[in-house]
Amino acid sequence: MQRIAATICTYNRYNVLAKAIESVRNQTLSKDQYKILIIDNSPDYEKAKKVQQEYHDPPFLIYHIERIPGLSNARNVAAKLCETEFIAYLDDDAIACPEWLEKIVQGFDQFGTDAAVLGGRVDPMWEIERPSWLDDTLLSYVSVVNWGGEMRVAKPDEWFAGANISFRTQDILDNGGFDVSLGRIGGGTSLMSNEEIHLLDQIKSKGKLTIYAPEAQVDHLVEKKRLNHAWFRKRVAWQAVSDYQMDSEKAIEMARSGWNFLLEYFFGLPPKERTIRGLFYDTDDPKQFREQLWVLSTFTTMLLAGFNGVEK
């Protein structure tokens, strides 16, 4: 009986999709216990149809073309189609280790029916050398996850990345799925996120468990186009928008608490940078760049709030 669906949602990433599919074809979990589900959200329908012909091989591999755009919608479609007890999401630019599905199923079985979500380790595959300004505290923005230790119930501050996250399928359906107002749509113009966080918050509020399983590991591509200051500024600004969309009161409160730091940051800059340039000038100093991103996040949130409540 197929217990788990290894699911890859893709958008016009055929250059990397093949390796992701190959990695889930070659799992140590018995092939009669899992299926592969591809949700193709690409804009070129005719091209998607051609790729579908290469891979569609039901019941083991189902290649579904989804015309409604959006990652959250694609994930919801997968949850409705999979007909399996569990569903494991893998990014189209990630490669699963051979034991990935085996460790996921093992984790759910070990912690019982209260275990609703399981996240695994995500190691980076750097397309180019990691920049010197990229501080460890910023690695979450490129979905690097490594909490160490052994399989366990996750601590409250241990988050999972969408590149490697699994669910008891019914818990997705019972909680309304991924919020389609959050998450990515299209090719990356918008970097909305938090769809996983929003769903996990709902699931955990019902007393369900989230499990961290480090051996359910994947390698995730960090593309060259992301390894520059401009992309990180964009990513942080959209994160602020996502946080505001999910819980505006909490986001505003966080921004207010950082307002004094924002002022201190600007006063500490060289005189010529104490303008709007202070939000986007380039620096190779990891600490200075990290602080710039924090200030940019605070500024974005307060801008969304109309600077309501800021001390004049």
Foldseek 3Di string as FASTA:
>chain_A
DAAEEEEEEDEPPVVQQVQQVVLVVQAPPDLVHYAYEYEYAYQPVVVLVVVQVVFDDPPRYHYHYDPDWFPQVSVVVCLVPGPHQKYKYAYSQKHWHRHQVVLVVVLDVVVDPLAFKEAEAEAEDEPDDQALLADPVLCVLVQGADPDDAKDFDDPPHDHDSNTMMGRSVLCVVQVTFDRVAHDTHDPPAGGHCSVVLSVVVSVVVVGTYMYHHNSYMYGYDDPVCRDLVNSLRSLLNDLVNVCVSPVVVSLVVLQVCPVVLVVLLVPDDPVCNDPVLLPDDDSHNVSSVSSSVSSSSVSSCVVVVVPPHDD
